[in-house]
Amino acid sequence: MEDTLTYRDITEIPGLLEDFSAAAPSYKKAMVRSARGAAYLVGRGSSGNATLFAKYVWETYAGVIANLVHPHSILGARRQLNFRGEAVWAFSQSGRSKDVTACLKKIIKWGAKGVAVTNEAALDKNPLARAAKRHILLSNSRELPVAATKSFVLELWAVLWTAQAWSRCFRPKDFTAAVAAVRGEIKAGRADMGLVGRLARADMLGFVGRGPYNAVAEEAALKFREVAGAHALGYSAAEFLHGPIGAYTRKDFVFLFSPSEPLPGDMLKVKKAPDARGTTCMVVKPGALPLPFSCLPADIRMKILALRLALHKGLDPDRPGGLKKVTITY
């Protein structure tokens, strides 16, 4: 595992989080919202999962309405939409996602202010940042493996720092404790090869979370699909009970992300559903960190587990089949 580019990227994360924290004050002018206290969000893949995290965090903790934009509805709009005075945040690891860039450009023409969140410092290679005019750079460390690793965690970090800039909703020690927890998670490595074997034998993997953990669940499922070639799906807790649970059997495996210790009553109800069907359900506990910071080490844990599963199956996690660094969807 230590020889993969994916793992090397993961080990960089704690230092990059510290670097971003040091730079965060310089991004305050770029962290725009509308006069009515709202923002629009657009992204694809892992970056799309980061926008879901932003919606939960900004609305729950910062008091900022966050609306998710789907590029197809914007690009196919037959009438001009009123975005005058609004703020649109576009997330893209590379800054070269064509549909996200085209979507942002159109909304800016309709009167919005744009913000690009990317991991590409060179503006000549970053059309999204050029279009937005406001650029929040996640790091100066290029992501080498095909699947997004450190850029997703850094996107979550940028979301948290933006919420802090807007409303001072967190304690400074939450940020430092989160970096320490991420560093500890990487060091631990979660080397339970028995669990890896069970996951390899499962027909289907489910990842279930509430609130900010919904974004972690979606991202974990995406990484297991991309890196380990597993049939994996992410759900919000409510959505999981609205039908998907009916597809799970004794041959499957479910991860349930707990927002607290112990598992709260509403999530206990969720756990009873797979238990009743004989589906193995593992609760991923948050540790000592408060929400939403506990989402970061949980995401790291899932990434390392997906990496171990890929290697167990003889796959190359750095160059997974069916995925390119810049996916052309438009």
Protein backbone atom coordinates (compact mmCIF):
# COMPACT_ATOMS: atom_id res chain seq x y z
CA MET A 1 0.00 0.00 0.00
CA GLU A 2 2.79 2.40 0.92
CA ASP A 3 4.15 2.25 -2.64
CA THR A 4 0.98 3.57 -4.29
CA LEU A 5 0.52 7.17 -5.39
CA THR A 6 -2.91 7.12 -3.78
CA TYR A 7 -1.46 6.38 -0.36
CA ARG A 8 1.27 8.99 -0.80
CA ASP A 9 -1.41 11.57 -1.54
CA ILE A 10 -3.30 10.52 1.59
CA THR A 11 -0.20 10.93 3.76
CA GLU A 12 0.19 14.52 2.51
CA ILE A 13 -3.26 15.55 3.73
CA PRO A 14 -2.46 16.66 7.32
CA GLY A 15 0.31 19.00 6.20
CA LEU A 16 -1.84 20.40 3.39
CA LEU A 17 -4.69 21.06 5.82
CA GLU A 18 -2.27 23.05 7.98
CA ASP A 19 -1.05 24.97 4.92
CA PHE A 20 -4.61 25.87 3.94
CA SER A 21 -5.41 26.98 7.48
CA ALA A 22 -2.47 29.37 7.35
CA ALA A 23 -3.67 30.75 4.00
CA ALA A 24 -7.38 30.89 4.87
CA PRO A 25 -7.40 34.58 5.97
CA SER A 26 -6.15 35.59 2.53
CA TYR A 27 -9.20 33.98 0.90
CA LYS A 28 -11.82 35.94 2.86
CA LYS A 29 -12.50 38.36 0.00
CA ALA A 30 -13.08 35.43 -2.34
CA MET A 31 -15.54 33.78 0.06
CA VAL A 32 -18.55 35.63 -1.29
CA ARG A 33 -22.26 35.07 -0.70
CA SER A 34 -25.30 36.99 -1.84
CA ALA A 35 -26.70 39.98 0.03
CA ARG A 36 -29.58 37.78 1.18
CA GLY A 37 -27.13 35.26 2.69
CA ALA A 38 -27.16 32.51 0.08
CA ALA A 39 -24.86 30.65 -2.28
CA TYR A 40 -25.23 28.28 -5.21
CA LEU A 41 -23.00 25.21 -5.59
CA VAL A 42 -21.94 23.19 -8.61
CA GLY A 43 -19.56 20.24 -9.00
CA ARG A 44 -19.24 16.72 -10.41
CA GLY A 45 -17.98 13.44 -8.92
CA SER A 46 -15.98 13.90 -5.72
CA SER A 47 -16.33 17.67 -6.08
CA GLY A 48 -20.08 17.20 -6.32
CA ASN A 49 -19.98 15.31 -3.03
CA ALA A 50 -18.05 18.22 -1.54
CA THR A 51 -20.85 20.60 -2.59
CA LEU A 52 -23.31 18.36 -0.70
CA PHE A 53 -21.10 18.70 2.39
CA ALA A 54 -21.09 22.47 1.87
CA LYS A 55 -24.88 22.57 1.73
CA TYR A 56 -25.21 20.78 5.07
CA VAL A 57 -22.45 22.76 6.80
CA TRP A 58 -23.31 26.22 5.52
CA GLU A 59 -27.02 25.88 6.21
CA THR A 60 -26.69 24.10 9.56
CA TYR A 61 -23.79 26.02 11.08
CA ALA A 62 -23.27 29.27 9.16
CA GLY A 63 -26.88 30.31 8.48
CA VAL A 64 -26.24 30.56 4.73
CA ILE A 65 -28.74 29.05 2.30
CA ALA A 66 -26.90 26.71 -0.10
CA ASN A 67 -28.57 25.63 -3.34
CA LEU A 68 -27.24 22.76 -5.46
CA VAL A 69 -27.09 23.50 -9.19
CA HIS A 70 -27.33 20.79 -11.85
CA PRO A 71 -25.41 21.86 -14.98
CA HIS A 72 -27.87 20.26 -17.40
CA SER A 73 -30.76 22.46 -16.26
CA ILE A 74 -28.61 25.58 -16.62
CA LEU A 75 -27.05 24.67 -19.95
CA GLY A 76 -30.43 23.60 -21.34
CA ALA A 77 -32.40 26.54 -19.94
CA ARG A 78 -34.72 28.03 -22.57
CA ARG A 79 -35.20 31.23 -20.64
CA GLN A 80 -32.75 33.39 -18.74
CA LEU A 81 -32.76 32.67 -15.03
CA ASN A 82 -32.43 35.46 -12.49
CA PHE A 83 -29.04 35.05 -10.78
CA ARG A 84 -28.44 38.77 -10.36
CA GLY A 85 -26.51 39.42 -7.16
CA GLU A 86 -26.15 35.73 -6.33
CA ALA A 87 -22.89 33.88 -5.58
CA VAL A 88 -22.02 30.66 -7.39
CA TRP A 89 -19.30 28.35 -6.07
CA ALA A 90 -17.84 25.89 -8.59
CA PHE A 91 -15.77 22.97 -7.28
CA SER A 92 -13.35 21.05 -9.52
CA GLN A 93 -10.09 19.32 -8.62
CA SER A 94 -8.49 20.10 -11.97
CA GLY A 95 -10.37 23.29 -12.86
CA ARG A 96 -10.93 21.74 -16.31
CA SER A 97 -14.39 20.23 -15.95
CA LYS A 98 -16.07 21.48 -19.12
CA ASP A 99 -19.68 21.28 -18.02
CA VAL A 100 -18.98 22.91 -14.64
CA THR A 101 -17.04 25.70 -16.37
CA ALA A 102 -19.73 26.24 -18.99
CA CYS A 103 -22.40 26.27 -16.29
CA LEU A 104 -20.51 28.84 -14.23
CA LYS A 105 -19.90 31.09 -17.24
CA LYS A 106 -23.59 31.10 -18.11
CA ILE A 107 -24.69 31.90 -14.57
CA ILE A 108 -22.13 34.72 -14.36
CA LYS A 109 -23.59 36.17 -17.57
CA TRP A 110 -26.93 36.12 -15.79
CA GLY A 111 -25.54 38.40 -13.08
CA ALA A 112 -23.90 36.14 -10.48
CA LYS A 113 -20.52 36.42 -8.78
CA GLY A 114 -18.32 33.35 -9.29
CA VAL A 115 -15.93 31.46 -7.03
CA ALA A 116 -13.74 28.57 -8.21
CA VAL A 117 -12.41 26.01 -5.72
CA THR A 118 -9.66 23.95 -7.38
CA ASN A 119 -6.33 22.25 -6.82
CA GLU A 120 -4.69 23.79 -9.90
CA ALA A 121 -2.47 26.82 -9.31
CA ALA A 122 -1.61 27.54 -12.95
CA LEU A 123 -4.33 29.81 -14.34
CA ASP A 124 -3.40 28.99 -17.94
CA LYS A 125 -4.42 25.40 -17.15
CA ASN A 126 -7.46 26.37 -15.11
CA PRO A 127 -10.36 27.71 -17.20
CA LEU A 128 -12.74 27.47 -14.23
CA ALA A 129 -10.65 29.85 -12.11
CA ARG A 130 -10.25 32.25 -15.05
CA ALA A 131 -14.02 32.31 -15.55
CA ALA A 132 -14.79 32.82 -11.86
CA LYS A 133 -12.26 35.61 -11.24
CA ARG A 134 -12.21 34.53 -7.57
CA HIS A 135 -10.06 31.47 -6.91
CA ILE A 136 -9.61 29.45 -3.74
CA LEU A 137 -6.56 27.24 -4.26
CA LEU A 138 -6.69 24.06 -2.21
CA SER A 139 -2.95 23.34 -2.34
CA ASN A 140 0.21 23.57 -4.41
CA SER A 141 0.52 19.78 -4.41
CA ARG A 142 -0.64 18.21 -7.67
CA GLU A 143 -2.86 15.15 -7.31
CA LEU A 144 -1.15 12.33 -9.25
CA PRO A 145 -3.46 9.29 -9.01
CA VAL A 146 -6.55 9.36 -11.22
CA ALA A 147 -9.17 9.17 -8.45
CA ALA A 148 -9.50 12.25 -6.22
CA THR A 149 -7.99 11.74 -2.78
CA LYS A 150 -6.47 14.73 -1.02
CA SER A 151 -8.44 17.27 -3.09
CA PHE A 152 -11.77 16.04 -1.67
CA VAL A 153 -10.63 16.38 1.95
CA LEU A 154 -9.21 19.81 1.14
CA GLU A 155 -12.54 20.83 -0.40
CA LEU A 156 -14.26 19.90 2.86
CA TRP A 157 -11.63 21.93 4.71
CA ALA A 158 -12.26 24.95 2.49
CA VAL A 159 -15.99 24.61 3.20
CA LEU A 160 -15.34 24.60 6.96
CA TRP A 161 -13.05 27.62 6.80
CA THR A 162 -15.61 29.48 4.68
CA ALA A 163 -18.31 28.81 7.29
CA GLN A 164 -15.89 30.10 9.91
CA ALA A 165 -15.18 33.25 7.92
CA TRP A 166 -18.90 33.95 7.53
CA SER A 167 -20.16 33.29 11.04
CA ARG A 168 -17.39 32.26 13.47
CA CYS A 169 -19.44 29.13 14.11
CA PHE A 170 -16.51 26.91 15.16
CA ARG A 171 -13.77 27.00 17.76
CA PRO A 172 -10.17 27.44 16.56
CA LYS A 173 -9.21 24.29 18.44
CA ASP A 174 -11.69 22.30 16.30
CA PHE A 175 -9.45 22.87 13.30
CA THR A 176 -6.22 21.88 15.04
CA ALA A 177 -7.87 18.83 16.63
CA ALA A 178 -9.19 17.74 13.23
CA VAL A 179 -5.70 17.83 11.70
CA ALA A 180 -4.39 15.73 14.58
CA ALA A 181 -7.24 13.23 14.14
CA VAL A 182 -6.58 12.93 10.41
CA ARG A 183 -2.89 12.37 11.08
CA GLY A 184 -3.76 9.70 13.64
CA GLU A 185 -6.17 7.97 11.25
CA ILE A 186 -3.47 7.75 8.59
CA LYS A 187 -0.97 6.40 11.08
CA ALA A 188 -3.44 3.77 12.29
CA GLY A 189 -3.99 2.58 8.74
CA ARG A 190 -6.99 0.39 9.70
CA ALA A 191 -5.15 -2.78 8.70
CA ASP A 192 -8.06 -5.17 9.38
CA MET A 193 -7.47 -7.59 6.52
CA GLY A 194 -10.29 -9.80 7.82
CA LEU A 195 -12.68 -6.93 7.10
CA VAL A 196 -11.12 -6.45 3.66
CA GLY A 197 -11.77 -10.10 2.89
CA ARG A 198 -15.42 -9.78 3.95
CA LEU A 199 -15.85 -6.74 1.73
CA ALA A 200 -14.31 -8.60 -1.21
CA ARG A 201 -16.91 -11.36 -0.79
CA ALA A 202 -19.88 -9.00 -0.50
CA ASP A 203 -22.15 -8.62 -3.52
CA MET A 204 -23.06 -5.02 -2.68
CA LEU A 205 -21.71 -2.36 -0.33
CA GLY A 206 -23.88 0.37 1.18
CA PHE A 207 -22.74 3.57 2.91
CA VAL A 208 -25.32 5.46 4.96
CA GLY A 209 -25.01 8.82 6.73
CA ARG A 210 -27.05 11.78 7.94
CA GLY A 211 -26.29 15.46 7.37
CA PRO A 212 -22.61 16.09 6.57
CA TYR A 213 -22.02 12.34 6.80
CA ASN A 214 -24.34 11.92 3.80
CA ALA A 215 -21.56 13.53 1.73
CA VAL A 216 -18.98 11.19 3.29
CA ALA A 217 -21.19 8.19 2.52
CA GLU A 218 -21.57 9.25 -1.12
CA GLU A 219 -17.82 9.85 -1.46
CA ALA A 220 -16.93 6.54 0.21
CA ALA A 221 -19.19 4.66 -2.19
CA LEU A 222 -17.66 6.51 -5.12
CA LYS A 223 -14.12 5.60 -4.03
CA PHE A 224 -15.03 1.94 -3.59
CA ARG A 225 -16.49 1.96 -7.11
CA GLU A 226 -13.62 3.87 -8.70
CA VAL A 227 -10.63 2.38 -6.91
CA ALA A 228 -11.77 -1.10 -5.88
CA GLY A 229 -14.29 -1.89 -8.61
CA ALA A 230 -16.97 -2.68 -6.03
CA HIS A 231 -20.72 -2.36 -6.46
CA ALA A 232 -21.10 0.38 -3.85
CA LEU A 233 -23.84 2.93 -3.20
CA GLY A 234 -24.15 5.89 -0.83
CA TYR A 235 -27.36 7.08 0.80
CA SER A 236 -28.76 9.55 3.24
CA ALA A 237 -30.28 7.71 6.20
CA ALA A 238 -33.82 8.70 5.20
CA GLU A 239 -33.34 7.68 1.56
CA PHE A 240 -31.91 4.33 2.61
CA LEU A 241 -35.14 3.46 4.40
CA HIS A 242 -37.28 4.68 1.50
CA GLY A 243 -36.78 1.58 -0.61
CA PRO A 244 -33.05 0.82 -1.11
CA ILE A 245 -32.91 -1.35 2.02
CA GLY A 246 -35.15 -3.80 0.17
CA ALA A 247 -32.27 -4.72 -2.14
CA TYR A 248 -29.90 -5.77 0.66
CA THR A 249 -29.42 -9.40 1.71
CA ARG A 250 -27.11 -11.56 3.79
CA LYS A 251 -24.58 -11.37 0.96
CA ASP A 252 -24.16 -7.61 1.33
CA PHE A 253 -22.41 -5.21 3.72
CA VAL A 254 -23.49 -1.80 5.06
CA PHE A 255 -21.44 0.95 6.72
CA LEU A 256 -23.46 3.25 8.97
CA PHE A 257 -21.79 6.57 9.89
CA SER A 258 -22.69 7.65 13.42
CA PRO A 259 -22.67 11.40 14.17
CA SER A 260 -22.14 10.78 17.86
CA GLU A 261 -21.11 8.26 20.47
CA PRO A 262 -23.23 6.25 21.15
CA LEU A 263 -25.42 5.79 18.07
CA PRO A 264 -28.41 8.21 18.40
CA GLY A 265 -31.96 6.93 18.49
CA ASP A 266 -32.89 7.83 14.91
CA MET A 267 -29.80 6.04 13.58
CA LEU A 268 -30.56 3.02 15.74
CA LYS A 269 -33.79 2.74 13.77
CA VAL A 270 -31.77 2.79 10.56
CA LYS A 271 -29.47 0.05 11.85
CA LYS A 272 -32.42 -2.21 12.66
CA ALA A 273 -33.35 -2.38 8.99
CA PRO A 274 -30.24 -4.25 7.72
CA ASP A 275 -30.05 -6.22 10.97
CA ALA A 276 -33.54 -7.55 10.32
CA ARG A 277 -32.50 -8.70 6.84
CA GLY A 278 -29.34 -10.41 8.04
CA THR A 279 -27.14 -7.83 6.31
CA THR A 280 -23.88 -7.15 8.11
CA CYS A 281 -23.92 -3.56 9.33
CA MET A 282 -20.79 -1.88 10.72
CA VAL A 283 -21.11 1.39 12.61
CA VAL A 284 -18.34 3.89 11.85
CA LYS A 285 -17.91 5.89 15.07
CA PRO A 286 -16.85 9.55 15.09
CA GLY A 287 -14.24 9.52 17.85
CA ALA A 288 -13.71 12.60 19.98
CA LEU A 289 -14.18 15.25 17.28
CA PRO A 290 -17.46 17.18 17.07
CA LEU A 291 -19.55 17.37 13.93
CA PRO A 292 -18.83 18.28 11.19
CA PHE A 293 -15.06 17.90 11.77
CA SER A 294 -15.38 14.20 12.55
CA CYS A 295 -16.29 13.65 8.90
CA LEU A 296 -12.65 14.14 7.84
CA PRO A 297 -11.00 11.19 9.63
CA ALA A 298 -14.00 9.03 8.72
CA ASP A 299 -13.40 9.83 5.05
CA ILE A 300 -9.71 8.99 5.43
CA ARG A 301 -10.63 5.65 7.01
CA MET A 302 -12.84 4.77 4.05
CA LYS A 303 -10.22 5.82 1.50
CA ILE A 304 -7.57 3.59 3.08
CA LEU A 305 -10.04 0.71 3.26
CA ALA A 306 -10.95 1.14 -0.43
CA LEU A 307 -7.23 1.22 -1.26
CA ARG A 308 -6.62 -2.00 0.65
CA LEU A 309 -9.58 -3.68 -1.05
CA ALA A 310 -8.26 -2.68 -4.49
CA LEU A 311 -4.85 -4.19 -3.73
CA HIS A 312 -6.48 -7.31 -2.27
CA LYS A 313 -8.34 -7.75 -5.59
CA GLY A 314 -5.16 -7.24 -7.63
CA LEU A 315 -6.25 -3.87 -9.03
CA ASP A 316 -4.13 -0.76 -9.65
CA PRO A 317 -5.72 1.91 -7.42
CA ASP A 318 -3.72 4.70 -9.07
CA ARG A 319 -5.12 4.01 -12.55
CA PRO A 320 -8.60 2.54 -12.14
CA GLY A 321 -10.50 1.39 -15.20
CA GLY A 322 -13.38 3.52 -16.43
CA LEU A 323 -12.04 6.78 -15.00
CA LYS A 324 -9.93 9.64 -16.34
CA LYS A 325 -8.37 12.54 -14.46
CA VAL A 326 -10.56 14.99 -16.34
CA THR A 327 -13.90 13.40 -17.24
CA ILE A 328 -15.56 14.89 -20.31
CA THR A 329 -19.34 14.90 -19.88
CA TYR A 330 -20.18 17.99 -21.97
